[in-house]
Amino acid sequence: MKWLTRSGSRARGLPLARPTLAGDAWPAADPAARHGFGAGTIHRLGMDAAFTPQAHEVADLLAARLLPLLPIDASPADLPHVVQLLRSAAQAGAGIGIVDARSQAETPDRMGSDAAGALGEAERELPPMPAALRVHARYLLHAGHHVARLGPGVVDDLEADLHDQAPPA
């Protein structure tokens, strides 16, 4: 019954790296995971989990602590919509993180390759937007996953990273 058993690096997962605005910690592109059944399943379950109180709490926390540190270029009329879009990205990432955390196959410092694929699917589903805004949405998608996996204590590190990346005043 070897046909049901995973083999190779996909079963070991990927390092669970802290998100960065530059995107250099975004999960590595594993074409098999990004378009596979497992990624699609985790994406779907993650979008359902995004509506749980836990995902809302993660999104609220990230909106309160990280959004004010992002250089958002939006008109006053557009700003509430931009904030909602970015909060939704964090909430979607949190939903995927909640599902990923349920996996008994990965250790706390690893993420499943199918979860990485689900994050990729969520990124592809982001609506059209300016490139700078897409960077922020992708960052918050990844941050939502990260906080859902590791807990709210990691927000301090994310906040410090954003302070370090801020241009000098």
C-alpha atoms as a PDB file:
ATOM      1  CA  MET A   1       0.000   0.000   0.000  1.00  0.00           C
ATOM      2  CA  LYS A   2       2.863   2.369  -0.768  1.00  0.00           C
ATOM      3  CA  TRP A   3       0.640   4.407  -3.139  1.00  0.00           C
ATOM      4  CA  LEU A   4      -0.982   6.250  -0.232  1.00  0.00           C
ATOM      5  CA  THR A   5       2.254   7.185   1.525  1.00  0.00           C
ATOM      6  CA  ARG A   6       3.951  10.494   0.771  1.00  0.00           C
ATOM      7  CA  SER A   7       7.581  10.390  -0.146  1.00  0.00           C
ATOM      8  CA  GLY A   8      10.372  12.907  -0.498  1.00  0.00           C
ATOM      9  CA  SER A   9      10.666  16.448   0.789  1.00  0.00           C
ATOM     10  CA  ARG A  10       6.972  17.330   0.586  1.00  0.00           C
ATOM     11  CA  ALA A  11       6.227  15.226   3.668  1.00  0.00           C
ATOM     12  CA  ARG A  12       8.879  17.096   5.684  1.00  0.00           C
ATOM     13  CA  GLY A  13       7.367  20.513   5.053  1.00  0.00           C
ATOM     14  CA  LEU A  14       9.094  23.862   4.881  1.00  0.00           C
ATOM     15  CA  PRO A  15      10.723  26.089   7.480  1.00  0.00           C
ATOM     16  CA  LEU A  16       8.255  28.329   9.282  1.00  0.00           C
ATOM     17  CA  ALA A  17       9.976  31.673   8.719  1.00  0.00           C
ATOM     18  CA  ARG A  18       8.987  35.074  10.090  1.00  0.00           C
ATOM     19  CA  PRO A  19       7.313  37.190   7.374  1.00  0.00           C
ATOM     20  CA  THR A  20       9.104  40.203   5.911  1.00  0.00           C
ATOM     21  CA  LEU A  21       7.869  43.076   3.772  1.00  0.00           C
ATOM     22  CA  ALA A  22      10.517  42.177   1.190  1.00  0.00           C
ATOM     23  CA  GLY A  23       8.835  38.782   0.860  1.00  0.00           C
ATOM     24  CA  ASP A  24      12.088  36.849   1.182  1.00  0.00           C
ATOM     25  CA  ALA A  25      10.547  34.577   3.843  1.00  0.00           C
ATOM     26  CA  TRP A  26       7.531  33.667   1.670  1.00  0.00           C
ATOM     27  CA  PRO A  27       7.312  29.851   1.470  1.00  0.00           C
ATOM     28  CA  ALA A  28       9.380  28.368  -1.323  1.00  0.00           C
ATOM     29  CA  ALA A  29       7.587  27.634  -4.556  1.00  0.00           C
ATOM     30  CA  ASP A  30       6.837  23.918  -4.657  1.00  0.00           C
ATOM     31  CA  PRO A  31       4.851  23.509  -7.900  1.00  0.00           C
ATOM     32  CA  ALA A  32       3.481  20.154  -6.787  1.00  0.00           C
ATOM     33  CA  ALA A  33       2.169  21.633  -3.540  1.00  0.00           C
ATOM     34  CA  ARG A  34       0.954  24.919  -4.974  1.00  0.00           C
ATOM     35  CA  HIS A  35      -1.417  23.277  -7.408  1.00  0.00           C
ATOM     36  CA  GLY A  36      -2.170  19.964  -5.730  1.00  0.00           C
ATOM     37  CA  PHE A  37      -5.237  18.513  -4.105  1.00  0.00           C
ATOM     38  CA  GLY A  38      -3.764  18.988  -0.616  1.00  0.00           C
ATOM     39  CA  ALA A  39      -3.118  22.691  -1.182  1.00  0.00           C
ATOM     40  CA  GLY A  40      -6.616  23.175  -2.549  1.00  0.00           C
ATOM     41  CA  THR A  41      -8.121  21.355   0.407  1.00  0.00           C
ATOM     42  CA  ILE A  42      -6.157  23.343   2.986  1.00  0.00           C
ATOM     43  CA  HIS A  43      -7.007  26.546   1.131  1.00  0.00           C
ATOM     44  CA  ARG A  44     -10.721  25.723   1.229  1.00  0.00           C
ATOM     45  CA  LEU A  45     -10.630  24.673   4.894  1.00  0.00           C
ATOM     46  CA  GLY A  46      -8.528  27.741   5.684  1.00  0.00           C
ATOM     47  CA  MET A  47     -11.067  30.070   4.101  1.00  0.00           C
ATOM     48  CA  ASP A  48     -13.745  28.425   6.267  1.00  0.00           C
ATOM     49  CA  ALA A  49     -11.515  28.773   9.361  1.00  0.00           C
ATOM     50  CA  ALA A  50     -10.968  32.455   8.514  1.00  0.00           C
ATOM     51  CA  PHE A  51     -14.472  33.101   9.868  1.00  0.00           C
ATOM     52  CA  THR A  52     -13.759  31.619  13.298  1.00  0.00           C
ATOM     53  CA  PRO A  53     -13.292  33.830  16.356  1.00  0.00           C
ATOM     54  CA  GLN A  54      -9.605  32.829  16.498  1.00  0.00           C
ATOM     55  CA  ALA A  55      -8.948  34.119  12.965  1.00  0.00           C
ATOM     56  CA  HIS A  56     -10.848  37.335  13.730  1.00  0.00           C
ATOM     57  CA  GLU A  57      -8.694  37.837  16.835  1.00  0.00           C
ATOM     58  CA  VAL A  58      -5.492  37.403  14.811  1.00  0.00           C
ATOM     59  CA  ALA A  59      -6.706  39.826  12.139  1.00  0.00           C
ATOM     60  CA  ASP A  60      -7.765  42.386  14.758  1.00  0.00           C
ATOM     61  CA  LEU A  61      -4.389  42.113  16.482  1.00  0.00           C
ATOM     62  CA  LEU A  62      -2.446  42.544  13.243  1.00  0.00           C
ATOM     63  CA  ALA A  63      -4.655  45.441  12.147  1.00  0.00           C
ATOM     64  CA  ALA A  64      -4.096  47.202  15.463  1.00  0.00           C
ATOM     65  CA  ARG A  65      -0.378  46.570  15.794  1.00  0.00           C
ATOM     66  CA  LEU A  66       1.056  46.274  12.267  1.00  0.00           C
ATOM     67  CA  LEU A  67      -1.202  48.263   9.935  1.00  0.00           C
ATOM     68  CA  PRO A  68      -0.222  51.618  11.499  1.00  0.00           C
ATOM     69  CA  LEU A  69       3.424  50.788  10.696  1.00  0.00           C
ATOM     70  CA  LEU A  70       2.844  50.141   7.000  1.00  0.00           C
ATOM     71  CA  PRO A  71       3.317  53.075   4.624  1.00  0.00           C
ATOM     72  CA  ILE A  72      -0.117  52.950   2.998  1.00  0.00           C
ATOM     73  CA  ASP A  73      -0.661  55.383   0.146  1.00  0.00           C
ATOM     74  CA  ALA A  74      -4.429  55.827  -0.155  1.00  0.00           C
ATOM     75  CA  SER A  75      -6.808  58.737  -0.382  1.00  0.00           C
ATOM     76  CA  PRO A  76      -8.966  59.446   2.685  1.00  0.00           C
ATOM     77  CA  ALA A  77     -11.970  58.094   0.776  1.00  0.00           C
ATOM     78  CA  ASP A  78     -10.154  54.845  -0.122  1.00  0.00           C
ATOM     79  CA  LEU A  79      -8.420  54.279   3.213  1.00  0.00           C
ATOM     80  CA  PRO A  80     -11.279  52.398   4.975  1.00  0.00           C
ATOM     81  CA  HIS A  81     -11.522  50.011   2.000  1.00  0.00           C
ATOM     82  CA  VAL A  82      -7.756  49.490   1.897  1.00  0.00           C
ATOM     83  CA  VAL A  83      -7.668  48.781   5.634  1.00  0.00           C
ATOM     84  CA  GLN A  84     -10.504  46.257   5.249  1.00  0.00           C
ATOM     85  CA  LEU A  85      -8.718  44.561   2.338  1.00  0.00           C
ATOM     86  CA  LEU A  86      -5.482  44.259   4.331  1.00  0.00           C
ATOM     87  CA  ARG A  87      -7.345  43.032   7.416  1.00  0.00           C
ATOM     88  CA  SER A  88      -9.085  40.426   5.236  1.00  0.00           C
ATOM     89  CA  ALA A  89      -5.706  39.237   3.949  1.00  0.00           C
ATOM     90  CA  ALA A  90      -4.518  38.778   7.548  1.00  0.00           C
ATOM     91  CA  GLN A  91      -7.729  36.925   8.389  1.00  0.00           C
ATOM     92  CA  ALA A  92      -7.366  34.583   5.395  1.00  0.00           C
ATOM     93  CA  GLY A  93      -3.760  33.856   6.354  1.00  0.00           C
ATOM     94  CA  ALA A  94      -4.875  33.160   9.918  1.00  0.00           C
ATOM     95  CA  GLY A  95      -7.482  30.691   8.655  1.00  0.00           C
ATOM     96  CA  ILE A  96      -4.825  28.797   6.701  1.00  0.00           C
ATOM     97  CA  GLY A  97      -2.565  28.913   9.766  1.00  0.00           C
ATOM     98  CA  ILE A  98      -5.322  27.453  11.954  1.00  0.00           C
ATOM     99  CA  VAL A  99      -5.747  24.528   9.566  1.00  0.00           C
ATOM    100  CA  ASP A 100      -1.975  24.093   9.233  1.00  0.00           C
ATOM    101  CA  ALA A 101      -1.635  24.032  13.034  1.00  0.00           C
ATOM    102  CA  ARG A 102      -4.065  21.101  13.225  1.00  0.00           C
ATOM    103  CA  SER A 103      -1.646  18.945  11.253  1.00  0.00           C
ATOM    104  CA  GLN A 104       0.113  16.410  13.434  1.00  0.00           C
ATOM    105  CA  ALA A 105       2.688  15.755  10.697  1.00  0.00           C
ATOM    106  CA  GLU A 106       4.638  19.004  11.127  1.00  0.00           C
ATOM    107  CA  THR A 107       6.724  20.225  14.031  1.00  0.00           C
ATOM    108  CA  PRO A 108       6.172  23.751  15.384  1.00  0.00           C
ATOM    109  CA  ASP A 109       9.100  25.118  13.338  1.00  0.00           C
ATOM    110  CA  ARG A 110       7.806  23.681  10.031  1.00  0.00           C
ATOM    111  CA  MET A 111       4.805  24.362   7.834  1.00  0.00           C
ATOM    112  CA  GLY A 112       3.223  21.794   5.597  1.00  0.00           C
ATOM    113  CA  SER A 113       4.037  22.156   1.911  1.00  0.00           C
ATOM    114  CA  ASP A 114       0.306  21.958   1.226  1.00  0.00           C
ATOM    115  CA  ALA A 115      -0.196  24.937   3.585  1.00  0.00           C
ATOM    116  CA  ALA A 116       2.463  26.806   1.597  1.00  0.00           C
ATOM    117  CA  GLY A 117       0.477  25.963  -1.510  1.00  0.00           C
ATOM    118  CA  ALA A 118      -2.706  27.221   0.152  1.00  0.00           C
ATOM    119  CA  LEU A 119      -0.993  30.538   0.925  1.00  0.00           C
ATOM    120  CA  GLY A 120       0.003  30.721  -2.735  1.00  0.00           C
ATOM    121  CA  GLU A 121      -3.606  30.124  -3.783  1.00  0.00           C
ATOM    122  CA  ALA A 122      -4.801  32.831  -1.393  1.00  0.00           C
ATOM    123  CA  GLU A 123      -2.236  35.239  -2.821  1.00  0.00           C
ATOM    124  CA  ARG A 124      -3.416  34.523  -6.367  1.00  0.00           C
ATOM    125  CA  GLU A 125      -6.991  35.271  -5.264  1.00  0.00           C
ATOM    126  CA  LEU A 126      -6.131  38.772  -4.061  1.00  0.00           C
ATOM    127  CA  PRO A 127      -8.007  41.350  -6.135  1.00  0.00           C
ATOM    128  CA  PRO A 128      -6.160  43.589  -8.590  1.00  0.00           C
ATOM    129  CA  MET A 129      -4.342  46.362  -6.728  1.00  0.00           C
ATOM    130  CA  PRO A 130      -1.268  48.580  -7.007  1.00  0.00           C
ATOM    131  CA  ALA A 131       2.036  46.748  -6.531  1.00  0.00           C
ATOM    132  CA  ALA A 132       2.864  48.482  -3.232  1.00  0.00           C
ATOM    133  CA  LEU A 133      -0.498  47.519  -1.774  1.00  0.00           C
ATOM    134  CA  ARG A 134      -0.048  43.926  -2.982  1.00  0.00           C
ATOM    135  CA  VAL A 135       3.233  43.778  -1.028  1.00  0.00           C
ATOM    136  CA  HIS A 136       1.350  44.761   2.138  1.00  0.00           C
ATOM    137  CA  ALA A 137      -1.493  42.312   1.475  1.00  0.00           C
ATOM    138  CA  ARG A 138       0.951  39.455   0.878  1.00  0.00           C
ATOM    139  CA  TYR A 139       2.859  40.374   4.036  1.00  0.00           C
ATOM    140  CA  LEU A 140      -0.325  40.366   6.143  1.00  0.00           C
ATOM    141  CA  LEU A 141      -1.480  37.097   4.574  1.00  0.00           C
ATOM    142  CA  HIS A 142       1.825  35.529   5.655  1.00  0.00           C
ATOM    143  CA  ALA A 143       1.747  37.276   9.050  1.00  0.00           C
ATOM    144  CA  GLY A 144      -1.773  35.980   9.705  1.00  0.00           C
ATOM    145  CA  HIS A 145      -0.578  32.415   9.064  1.00  0.00           C
ATOM    146  CA  HIS A 146       2.507  32.971  11.218  1.00  0.00           C
ATOM    147  CA  VAL A 147       0.576  34.324  14.213  1.00  0.00           C
ATOM    148  CA  ALA A 148      -2.111  31.635  13.961  1.00  0.00           C
ATOM    149  CA  ARG A 149       0.599  28.967  13.992  1.00  0.00           C
ATOM    150  CA  LEU A 150       2.827  30.378  16.740  1.00  0.00           C
ATOM    151  CA  GLY A 151       0.543  32.543  18.864  1.00  0.00           C
ATOM    152  CA  PRO A 152       0.136  36.259  19.547  1.00  0.00           C
ATOM    153  CA  GLY A 153       3.518  36.529  21.272  1.00  0.00           C
ATOM    154  CA  VAL A 154       5.273  36.662  17.888  1.00  0.00           C
ATOM    155  CA  VAL A 155       3.574  39.970  17.015  1.00  0.00           C
ATOM    156  CA  ASP A 156       6.204  41.804  19.073  1.00  0.00           C
ATOM    157  CA  ASP A 157       8.899  40.472  16.729  1.00  0.00           C
ATOM    158  CA  LEU A 158       6.889  41.385  13.630  1.00  0.00           C
ATOM    159  CA  GLU A 159       6.342  44.875  14.995  1.00  0.00           C
ATOM    160  CA  ALA A 160      10.062  45.286  15.771  1.00  0.00           C
ATOM    161  CA  ASP A 161      10.938  44.110  12.257  1.00  0.00           C
ATOM    162  CA  LEU A 162       8.626  46.732  10.733  1.00  0.00           C
ATOM    163  CA  HIS A 163      10.147  49.445  12.939  1.00  0.00           C
ATOM    164  CA  ASP A 164      13.614  48.365  11.739  1.00  0.00           C
ATOM    165  CA  GLN A 165      12.490  48.475   8.091  1.00  0.00           C
ATOM    166  CA  ALA A 166      10.895  51.919   8.356  1.00  0.00           C
ATOM    167  CA  PRO A 167      12.718  54.655   6.459  1.00  0.00           C
ATOM    168  CA  PRO A 168      14.467  57.183   8.699  1.00  0.00           C
ATOM    169  CA  ALA A 169      12.368  60.234   9.502  1.00  0.00           C
END
